[in-house]
Amino acid sequence: MPKTIALLYHEVIDDYSESGFQNKDNLAYMHKTEVFRKHLEIFKNHLNSGNSKVENHLFTFDDGGISNLKSARILEENDWKGIYFITTKRIGTSGFLAENDIRTLHENGHIIGSHSHTHPMIFRSLTYVQMLEEWKVSKGILEEILGEEILHCSVPGGDSDLKTYESAMEAGFKYIFDSEPIVETRKLQNADIFGRFSVKAQTSDQQFLEMLTLKNLASLQRNRKIKAKIKKLIFPIHQYIQNRKNE
């Protein structure tokens, strides 16, 4: 199957106060407009060089922040489109897309997908039934908004296992995105599973170019595995804190 580099962004935003995420930990996932434009310039030069090692390139955006409207406009200036994955429980809340915003993105040629309903911290820690509910509720809301079938989804946090993929497929998704930095498209029954390369605020121009050229692919994959292990270790602590808050 054709190889794909899917770039993973969250927010393109200049004023942190406009974001729906007011936890400073989320600053790592926010890019200034000028930085995003520079990434697109580097990307365009890379394509024009004829040295790309993959057939497909995708821009994806998680969470459904209101800043998606800005990143979409910038992509459109270059005749490019994005895939926007929406956490549906946040639709219409402060700092996030409203229903009409989602329709606007769709009408302008961007793909709309699900990023689950509530965005669980570690999705693969859910039971199969819980996963299926997250997918079905989110898919149903988006289909109600757009009036057509939603076939794309991305896994919150990107940490996946077999039941993550199987629950997404049972919910009706055909194109599933996780956050593993790989270019091979994995086939599972009737679904295609794509990895993604996470572009963060601290990603330098050189590091971004190296993502596109796959120069440090082994290092990215190793770092991703380490991060997944750390998240798995701290999850019980996070769950304990949340339970105490709910008491």
C-alpha atoms as a PDB file:
ATOM      1  CA  MET A   1       0.000   0.000   0.000  1.00  0.00           C
ATOM      2  CA  PRO A   2       1.126   3.610  -0.551  1.00  0.00           C
ATOM      3  CA  LYS A   3       3.113   5.160   2.292  1.00  0.00           C
ATOM      4  CA  THR A   4       1.777   8.219   4.093  1.00  0.00           C
ATOM      5  CA  ILE A   5       3.190  10.948   6.308  1.00  0.00           C
ATOM      6  CA  ALA A   6       0.287  12.271   8.365  1.00  0.00           C
ATOM      7  CA  LEU A   7       1.266  15.345  10.372  1.00  0.00           C
ATOM      8  CA  LEU A   8      -0.508  15.808  13.700  1.00  0.00           C
ATOM      9  CA  TYR A   9      -1.326  19.316  14.924  1.00  0.00           C
ATOM     10  CA  HIS A  10      -3.725  20.621  17.536  1.00  0.00           C
ATOM     11  CA  GLU A  11      -4.024  24.405  17.614  1.00  0.00           C
ATOM     12  CA  VAL A  12      -2.694  27.249  15.470  1.00  0.00           C
ATOM     13  CA  ILE A  13      -3.289  30.187  17.766  1.00  0.00           C
ATOM     14  CA  ASP A  14      -1.585  33.458  18.707  1.00  0.00           C
ATOM     15  CA  ASP A  15      -3.516  34.277  21.873  1.00  0.00           C
ATOM     16  CA  TYR A  16      -3.427  31.501  24.459  1.00  0.00           C
ATOM     17  CA  SER A  17      -6.470  32.968  26.215  1.00  0.00           C
ATOM     18  CA  GLU A  18      -8.641  32.140  23.178  1.00  0.00           C
ATOM     19  CA  SER A  19      -7.978  28.420  23.515  1.00  0.00           C
ATOM     20  CA  GLY A  20     -10.407  26.050  25.152  1.00  0.00           C
ATOM     21  CA  PHE A  21      -7.398  24.553  26.919  1.00  0.00           C
ATOM     22  CA  GLN A  22      -6.257  26.784  29.765  1.00  0.00           C
ATOM     23  CA  ASN A  23      -3.886  24.240  31.305  1.00  0.00           C
ATOM     24  CA  LYS A  24      -0.331  25.371  30.551  1.00  0.00           C
ATOM     25  CA  ASP A  25       0.626  21.778  29.771  1.00  0.00           C
ATOM     26  CA  ASN A  26      -1.296  22.272  26.532  1.00  0.00           C
ATOM     27  CA  LEU A  27       1.061  25.024  25.366  1.00  0.00           C
ATOM     28  CA  ALA A  28       3.202  22.237  23.919  1.00  0.00           C
ATOM     29  CA  TYR A  29       0.447  21.627  21.358  1.00  0.00           C
ATOM     30  CA  MET A  30      -0.094  25.245  20.297  1.00  0.00           C
ATOM     31  CA  HIS A  31       1.637  26.850  17.315  1.00  0.00           C
ATOM     32  CA  LYS A  32       1.841  30.526  16.489  1.00  0.00           C
ATOM     33  CA  THR A  33       0.500  31.439  13.055  1.00  0.00           C
ATOM     34  CA  GLU A  34       3.935  32.430  11.766  1.00  0.00           C
ATOM     35  CA  VAL A  35       5.366  29.069  12.850  1.00  0.00           C
ATOM     36  CA  PHE A  36       2.614  27.143  11.069  1.00  0.00           C
ATOM     37  CA  ARG A  37       3.149  29.197   7.925  1.00  0.00           C
ATOM     38  CA  LYS A  38       6.873  28.424   8.098  1.00  0.00           C
ATOM     39  CA  HIS A  39       6.073  24.717   8.376  1.00  0.00           C
ATOM     40  CA  LEU A  40       3.968  24.954   5.232  1.00  0.00           C
ATOM     41  CA  GLU A  41       6.806  26.727   3.444  1.00  0.00           C
ATOM     42  CA  ILE A  42       9.227  23.961   4.453  1.00  0.00           C
ATOM     43  CA  PHE A  43       6.653  21.366   3.409  1.00  0.00           C
ATOM     44  CA  LYS A  44       6.137  22.995   0.006  1.00  0.00           C
ATOM     45  CA  ASN A  45       9.894  23.171  -0.633  1.00  0.00           C
ATOM     46  CA  HIS A  46      10.220  19.524   0.358  1.00  0.00           C
ATOM     47  CA  LEU A  47       7.529  18.488  -2.124  1.00  0.00           C
ATOM     48  CA  ASN A  48       9.061  20.597  -4.873  1.00  0.00           C
ATOM     49  CA  SER A  49      12.458  18.997  -4.278  1.00  0.00           C
ATOM     50  CA  GLY A  50      11.120  15.679  -5.532  1.00  0.00           C
ATOM     51  CA  ASN A  51      12.875  13.868  -2.684  1.00  0.00           C
ATOM     52  CA  SER A  52       9.810  12.698  -0.775  1.00  0.00           C
ATOM     53  CA  LYS A  53       9.985   9.041   0.243  1.00  0.00           C
ATOM     54  CA  VAL A  54       6.216   8.615   0.552  1.00  0.00           C
ATOM     55  CA  GLU A  55       3.267   8.921  -1.813  1.00  0.00           C
ATOM     56  CA  ASN A  56       0.813  10.738   0.463  1.00  0.00           C
ATOM     57  CA  HIS A  57       1.008  13.664   2.878  1.00  0.00           C
ATOM     58  CA  LEU A  58      -1.803  14.639   5.252  1.00  0.00           C
ATOM     59  CA  PHE A  59      -2.416  17.494   7.681  1.00  0.00           C
ATOM     60  CA  THR A  60      -4.502  16.377  10.652  1.00  0.00           C
ATOM     61  CA  PHE A  61      -5.779  18.356  13.644  1.00  0.00           C
ATOM     62  CA  ASP A  62      -7.084  16.942  16.916  1.00  0.00           C
ATOM     63  CA  ASP A  63      -9.605  18.175  19.505  1.00  0.00           C
ATOM     64  CA  GLY A  64     -11.783  20.613  17.533  1.00  0.00           C
ATOM     65  CA  GLY A  65     -10.517  23.928  18.885  1.00  0.00           C
ATOM     66  CA  ILE A  66     -11.910  27.153  17.410  1.00  0.00           C
ATOM     67  CA  SER A  67      -8.426  27.795  16.012  1.00  0.00           C
ATOM     68  CA  ASN A  68      -9.128  25.069  13.451  1.00  0.00           C
ATOM     69  CA  LEU A  69     -10.852  27.747  11.393  1.00  0.00           C
ATOM     70  CA  LYS A  70      -7.560  29.646  11.160  1.00  0.00           C
ATOM     71  CA  SER A  71      -5.422  26.644  10.231  1.00  0.00           C
ATOM     72  CA  ALA A  72      -8.012  25.674   7.619  1.00  0.00           C
ATOM     73  CA  ARG A  73      -7.885  29.134   6.020  1.00  0.00           C
ATOM     74  CA  ILE A  74      -4.093  28.989   5.867  1.00  0.00           C
ATOM     75  CA  LEU A  75      -4.191  25.549   4.250  1.00  0.00           C
ATOM     76  CA  GLU A  76      -6.762  26.814   1.746  1.00  0.00           C
ATOM     77  CA  GLU A  77      -4.395  29.621   0.709  1.00  0.00           C
ATOM     78  CA  ASN A  78      -2.142  26.844  -0.599  1.00  0.00           C
ATOM     79  CA  ASP A  79      -5.009  24.785  -2.074  1.00  0.00           C
ATOM     80  CA  TRP A  80      -4.497  22.155   0.624  1.00  0.00           C
ATOM     81  CA  LYS A  81      -7.085  20.551   2.873  1.00  0.00           C
ATOM     82  CA  GLY A  82      -6.927  19.113   6.375  1.00  0.00           C
ATOM     83  CA  ILE A  83      -8.575  16.371   8.387  1.00  0.00           C
ATOM     84  CA  TYR A  84     -10.190  17.784  11.529  1.00  0.00           C
ATOM     85  CA  PHE A  85     -10.957  15.366  14.348  1.00  0.00           C
ATOM     86  CA  ILE A  86     -13.597  16.664  16.752  1.00  0.00           C
ATOM     87  CA  THR A  87     -14.119  15.848  20.430  1.00  0.00           C
ATOM     88  CA  THR A  88     -17.886  16.122  20.254  1.00  0.00           C
ATOM     89  CA  LYS A  89     -18.655  16.818  23.921  1.00  0.00           C
ATOM     90  CA  ARG A  90     -16.794  20.118  23.541  1.00  0.00           C
ATOM     91  CA  ILE A  91     -18.740  21.336  20.506  1.00  0.00           C
ATOM     92  CA  GLY A  92     -20.098  24.825  21.151  1.00  0.00           C
ATOM     93  CA  THR A  93     -18.196  25.347  24.399  1.00  0.00           C
ATOM     94  CA  SER A  94     -15.743  28.205  24.954  1.00  0.00           C
ATOM     95  CA  GLY A  95     -12.676  27.897  22.735  1.00  0.00           C
ATOM     96  CA  PHE A  96     -14.090  25.100  20.590  1.00  0.00           C
ATOM     97  CA  LEU A  97     -15.879  24.809  17.261  1.00  0.00           C
ATOM     98  CA  ALA A  98     -19.629  25.315  17.113  1.00  0.00           C
ATOM     99  CA  GLU A  99     -21.848  23.237  14.840  1.00  0.00           C
ATOM    100  CA  ASN A 100     -21.855  25.919  12.128  1.00  0.00           C
ATOM    101  CA  ASP A 101     -18.049  26.054  12.238  1.00  0.00           C
ATOM    102  CA  ILE A 102     -17.889  22.320  11.593  1.00  0.00           C
ATOM    103  CA  ARG A 103     -20.253  22.735   8.650  1.00  0.00           C
ATOM    104  CA  THR A 104     -18.056  25.530   7.285  1.00  0.00           C
ATOM    105  CA  LEU A 105     -14.942  23.346   7.408  1.00  0.00           C
ATOM    106  CA  HIS A 106     -16.814  20.547   5.661  1.00  0.00           C
ATOM    107  CA  GLU A 107     -18.256  22.849   2.989  1.00  0.00           C
ATOM    108  CA  ASN A 108     -14.760  24.176   2.278  1.00  0.00           C
ATOM    109  CA  GLY A 109     -13.534  20.687   1.455  1.00  0.00           C
ATOM    110  CA  HIS A 110     -11.904  19.602   4.694  1.00  0.00           C
ATOM    111  CA  ILE A 111     -12.585  16.150   6.126  1.00  0.00           C
ATOM    112  CA  ILE A 112     -14.368  15.926   9.468  1.00  0.00           C
ATOM    113  CA  GLY A 113     -13.698  12.993  11.763  1.00  0.00           C
ATOM    114  CA  SER A 114     -14.264  11.872  15.329  1.00  0.00           C
ATOM    115  CA  HIS A 115     -11.810  12.301  18.205  1.00  0.00           C
ATOM    116  CA  SER A 116     -14.170  10.409  20.544  1.00  0.00           C
ATOM    117  CA  HIS A 117     -16.934  12.033  22.584  1.00  0.00           C
ATOM    118  CA  THR A 118     -15.244  12.873  25.903  1.00  0.00           C
ATOM    119  CA  HIS A 119     -11.517  12.444  25.092  1.00  0.00           C
ATOM    120  CA  PRO A 120     -10.492   9.882  27.766  1.00  0.00           C
ATOM    121  CA  MET A 121      -6.897  10.380  28.928  1.00  0.00           C
ATOM    122  CA  ILE A 122      -5.750   6.877  27.960  1.00  0.00           C
ATOM    123  CA  PHE A 123      -8.263   5.486  25.522  1.00  0.00           C
ATOM    124  CA  ARG A 124      -6.958   1.943  25.528  1.00  0.00           C
ATOM    125  CA  SER A 125      -7.581   1.744  29.293  1.00  0.00           C
ATOM    126  CA  LEU A 126     -11.331   1.720  28.586  1.00  0.00           C
ATOM    127  CA  THR A 127     -13.349  -1.449  28.253  1.00  0.00           C
ATOM    128  CA  TYR A 128     -14.466  -2.433  24.773  1.00  0.00           C
ATOM    129  CA  VAL A 129     -18.032  -1.375  25.589  1.00  0.00           C
ATOM    130  CA  GLN A 130     -16.840   2.041  26.786  1.00  0.00           C
ATOM    131  CA  MET A 131     -14.759   2.522  23.646  1.00  0.00           C
ATOM    132  CA  LEU A 132     -17.671   1.606  21.426  1.00  0.00           C
ATOM    133  CA  GLU A 133     -19.907   4.089  23.234  1.00  0.00           C
ATOM    134  CA  GLU A 134     -17.321   6.874  22.824  1.00  0.00           C
ATOM    135  CA  TRP A 135     -17.109   6.219  19.096  1.00  0.00           C
ATOM    136  CA  LYS A 136     -20.818   5.743  18.450  1.00  0.00           C
ATOM    137  CA  VAL A 137     -21.933   8.854  20.337  1.00  0.00           C
ATOM    138  CA  SER A 138     -19.328  11.034  18.627  1.00  0.00           C
ATOM    139  CA  LYS A 139     -20.014   9.593  15.176  1.00  0.00           C
ATOM    140  CA  GLY A 140     -23.753  10.091  15.614  1.00  0.00           C
ATOM    141  CA  ILE A 141     -23.382  13.725  16.657  1.00  0.00           C
ATOM    142  CA  LEU A 142     -21.137  14.572  13.714  1.00  0.00           C
ATOM    143  CA  GLU A 143     -23.411  12.785  11.246  1.00  0.00           C
ATOM    144  CA  GLU A 144     -26.381  14.703  12.625  1.00  0.00           C
ATOM    145  CA  ILE A 145     -24.498  17.979  12.082  1.00  0.00           C
ATOM    146  CA  LEU A 146     -23.273  17.215   8.559  1.00  0.00           C
ATOM    147  CA  GLY A 147     -26.003  14.938   7.261  1.00  0.00           C
ATOM    148  CA  GLU A 148     -23.583  12.348   5.931  1.00  0.00           C
ATOM    149  CA  GLU A 149     -21.581   9.366   7.114  1.00  0.00           C
ATOM    150  CA  ILE A 150     -18.395   9.992   9.090  1.00  0.00           C
ATOM    151  CA  LEU A 151     -15.669   7.500   8.190  1.00  0.00           C
ATOM    152  CA  HIS A 152     -12.544   8.964   9.827  1.00  0.00           C
ATOM    153  CA  CYS A 153     -11.483   8.905  13.477  1.00  0.00           C
ATOM    154  CA  SER A 154      -8.373   9.536  15.556  1.00  0.00           C
ATOM    155  CA  VAL A 155      -7.561   7.962  18.904  1.00  0.00           C
ATOM    156  CA  PRO A 156      -7.343  10.397  21.860  1.00  0.00           C
ATOM    157  CA  GLY A 157      -3.766  10.355  23.096  1.00  0.00           C
ATOM    158  CA  GLY A 158      -2.901   8.083  20.197  1.00  0.00           C
ATOM    159  CA  ASP A 159      -2.267   5.058  22.432  1.00  0.00           C
ATOM    160  CA  SER A 160      -4.015   2.093  20.843  1.00  0.00           C
ATOM    161  CA  ASP A 161      -4.456  -1.640  21.031  1.00  0.00           C
ATOM    162  CA  LEU A 162      -6.448  -4.175  19.044  1.00  0.00           C
ATOM    163  CA  LYS A 163      -9.730  -3.465  20.821  1.00  0.00           C
ATOM    164  CA  THR A 164      -9.258   0.250  20.093  1.00  0.00           C
ATOM    165  CA  TYR A 165      -9.232  -0.484  16.375  1.00  0.00           C
ATOM    166  CA  GLU A 166     -11.940  -3.131  16.534  1.00  0.00           C
ATOM    167  CA  SER A 167     -14.312  -0.867  18.468  1.00  0.00           C
ATOM    168  CA  ALA A 168     -13.759   1.915  15.936  1.00  0.00           C
ATOM    169  CA  MET A 169     -14.484  -0.477  13.101  1.00  0.00           C
ATOM    170  CA  GLU A 170     -17.633  -1.769  14.783  1.00  0.00           C
ATOM    171  CA  ALA A 171     -18.789   1.841  15.146  1.00  0.00           C
ATOM    172  CA  GLY A 172     -18.426   2.198  11.376  1.00  0.00           C
ATOM    173  CA  PHE A 173     -15.090   3.952  10.856  1.00  0.00           C
ATOM    174  CA  LYS A 174     -13.000   3.003   7.817  1.00  0.00           C
ATOM    175  CA  TYR A 175      -9.958   5.245   8.375  1.00  0.00           C
ATOM    176  CA  ILE A 176      -8.381   5.151  11.831  1.00  0.00           C
ATOM    177  CA  PHE A 177      -5.487   7.391  12.922  1.00  0.00           C
ATOM    178  CA  ASP A 178      -3.292   6.765  15.948  1.00  0.00           C
ATOM    179  CA  SER A 179      -0.085   8.603  16.920  1.00  0.00           C
ATOM    180  CA  GLU A 180       2.545   6.034  16.029  1.00  0.00           C
ATOM    181  CA  PRO A 181       5.255   7.657  13.853  1.00  0.00           C
ATOM    182  CA  ILE A 182       5.085   5.189  10.977  1.00  0.00           C
ATOM    183  CA  VAL A 183       4.427   5.625   7.266  1.00  0.00           C
ATOM    184  CA  GLU A 184       3.051   2.188   6.416  1.00  0.00           C
ATOM    185  CA  THR A 185      -0.729   1.926   6.194  1.00  0.00           C
ATOM    186  CA  ARG A 186      -1.918  -1.031   8.248  1.00  0.00           C
ATOM    187  CA  LYS A 187      -4.885  -3.017   7.024  1.00  0.00           C
ATOM    188  CA  LEU A 188      -7.249  -4.585   9.557  1.00  0.00           C
ATOM    189  CA  GLN A 189     -10.292  -6.258   8.045  1.00  0.00           C
ATOM    190  CA  ASN A 190     -12.038  -3.462   6.106  1.00  0.00           C
ATOM    191  CA  ALA A 191     -10.257  -0.534   7.780  1.00  0.00           C
ATOM    192  CA  ASP A 192      -7.038   1.361   7.056  1.00  0.00           C
ATOM    193  CA  ILE A 193      -4.942   2.415  10.060  1.00  0.00           C
ATOM    194  CA  PHE A 194      -2.566   5.360   9.742  1.00  0.00           C
ATOM    195  CA  GLY A 195       0.237   6.518  12.000  1.00  0.00           C
ATOM    196  CA  ARG A 196       0.959  10.205  12.582  1.00  0.00           C
ATOM    197  CA  PHE A 197       3.928  12.448  13.282  1.00  0.00           C
ATOM    198  CA  SER A 198       3.238  14.829  16.166  1.00  0.00           C
ATOM    199  CA  VAL A 199       4.414  18.389  15.503  1.00  0.00           C
ATOM    200  CA  LYS A 200       4.784  20.246  18.797  1.00  0.00           C
ATOM    201  CA  ALA A 201       5.537  23.825  19.777  1.00  0.00           C
ATOM    202  CA  GLN A 202       9.154  22.940  20.523  1.00  0.00           C
ATOM    203  CA  THR A 203       9.654  21.204  17.165  1.00  0.00           C
ATOM    204  CA  SER A 204      12.361  23.186  15.379  1.00  0.00           C
ATOM    205  CA  ASP A 205      12.347  23.867  11.642  1.00  0.00           C
ATOM    206  CA  GLN A 206      15.165  21.353  11.240  1.00  0.00           C
ATOM    207  CA  GLN A 207      13.286  18.704  13.212  1.00  0.00           C
ATOM    208  CA  PHE A 208      10.184  19.343  11.119  1.00  0.00           C
ATOM    209  CA  LEU A 209      12.166  18.824   7.932  1.00  0.00           C
ATOM    210  CA  GLU A 210      13.627  15.633   9.380  1.00  0.00           C
ATOM    211  CA  MET A 211      10.080  14.374   9.967  1.00  0.00           C
ATOM    212  CA  LEU A 212       9.307  14.918   6.310  1.00  0.00           C
ATOM    213  CA  THR A 213      12.523  13.242   5.158  1.00  0.00           C
ATOM    214  CA  LEU A 214      12.191  10.433   7.737  1.00  0.00           C
ATOM    215  CA  LYS A 215      15.769  11.135   8.806  1.00  0.00           C
ATOM    216  CA  ASN A 216      15.300  10.319  12.501  1.00  0.00           C
ATOM    217  CA  LEU A 217      12.421   7.871  12.210  1.00  0.00           C
ATOM    218  CA  ALA A 218      13.937   5.304  14.587  1.00  0.00           C
ATOM    219  CA  SER A 219      14.432   7.973  17.259  1.00  0.00           C
ATOM    220  CA  LEU A 220      10.842   9.192  16.916  1.00  0.00           C
ATOM    221  CA  GLN A 221       9.528   5.653  17.247  1.00  0.00           C
ATOM    222  CA  ARG A 222      11.678   4.993  20.309  1.00  0.00           C
ATOM    223  CA  ASN A 223      10.531   8.213  21.999  1.00  0.00           C
ATOM    224  CA  ARG A 224       6.918   7.362  21.266  1.00  0.00           C
ATOM    225  CA  LYS A 225       7.259   3.984  22.998  1.00  0.00           C
ATOM    226  CA  ILE A 226       8.827   5.619  26.052  1.00  0.00           C
ATOM    227  CA  LYS A 227       6.018   8.178  26.243  1.00  0.00           C
ATOM    228  CA  ALA A 228       3.372   5.453  26.010  1.00  0.00           C
ATOM    229  CA  LYS A 229       4.975   3.555  28.891  1.00  0.00           C
ATOM    230  CA  ILE A 230       5.107   6.687  31.060  1.00  0.00           C
ATOM    231  CA  LYS A 231       1.438   7.460  30.389  1.00  0.00           C
ATOM    232  CA  LYS A 232       0.507   3.922  31.335  1.00  0.00           C
ATOM    233  CA  LEU A 233       2.406   4.246  34.621  1.00  0.00           C
ATOM    234  CA  ILE A 234       0.889   7.584  35.643  1.00  0.00           C
ATOM    235  CA  PHE A 235      -2.676   6.730  34.667  1.00  0.00           C
ATOM    236  CA  PRO A 236      -3.582   5.131  38.035  1.00  0.00           C
ATOM    237  CA  ILE A 237      -2.430   8.323  39.788  1.00  0.00           C
ATOM    238  CA  HIS A 238      -4.518  10.474  37.448  1.00  0.00           C
ATOM    239  CA  GLN A 239      -7.528   8.217  37.960  1.00  0.00           C
ATOM    240  CA  TYR A 240      -7.138   8.420  41.751  1.00  0.00           C
ATOM    241  CA  ILE A 241      -7.031  12.231  41.642  1.00  0.00           C
ATOM    242  CA  GLN A 242     -10.124  12.369  39.431  1.00  0.00           C
ATOM    243  CA  ASN A 243     -12.010  10.020  41.732  1.00  0.00           C
ATOM    244  CA  ARG A 244     -11.138  12.182  44.740  1.00  0.00           C
ATOM    245  CA  LYS A 245     -12.436  15.259  42.903  1.00  0.00           C
ATOM    246  CA  ASN A 246     -15.720  13.490  42.232  1.00  0.00           C
ATOM    247  CA  GLU A 247     -16.245  12.433  45.850  1.00  0.00           C
END
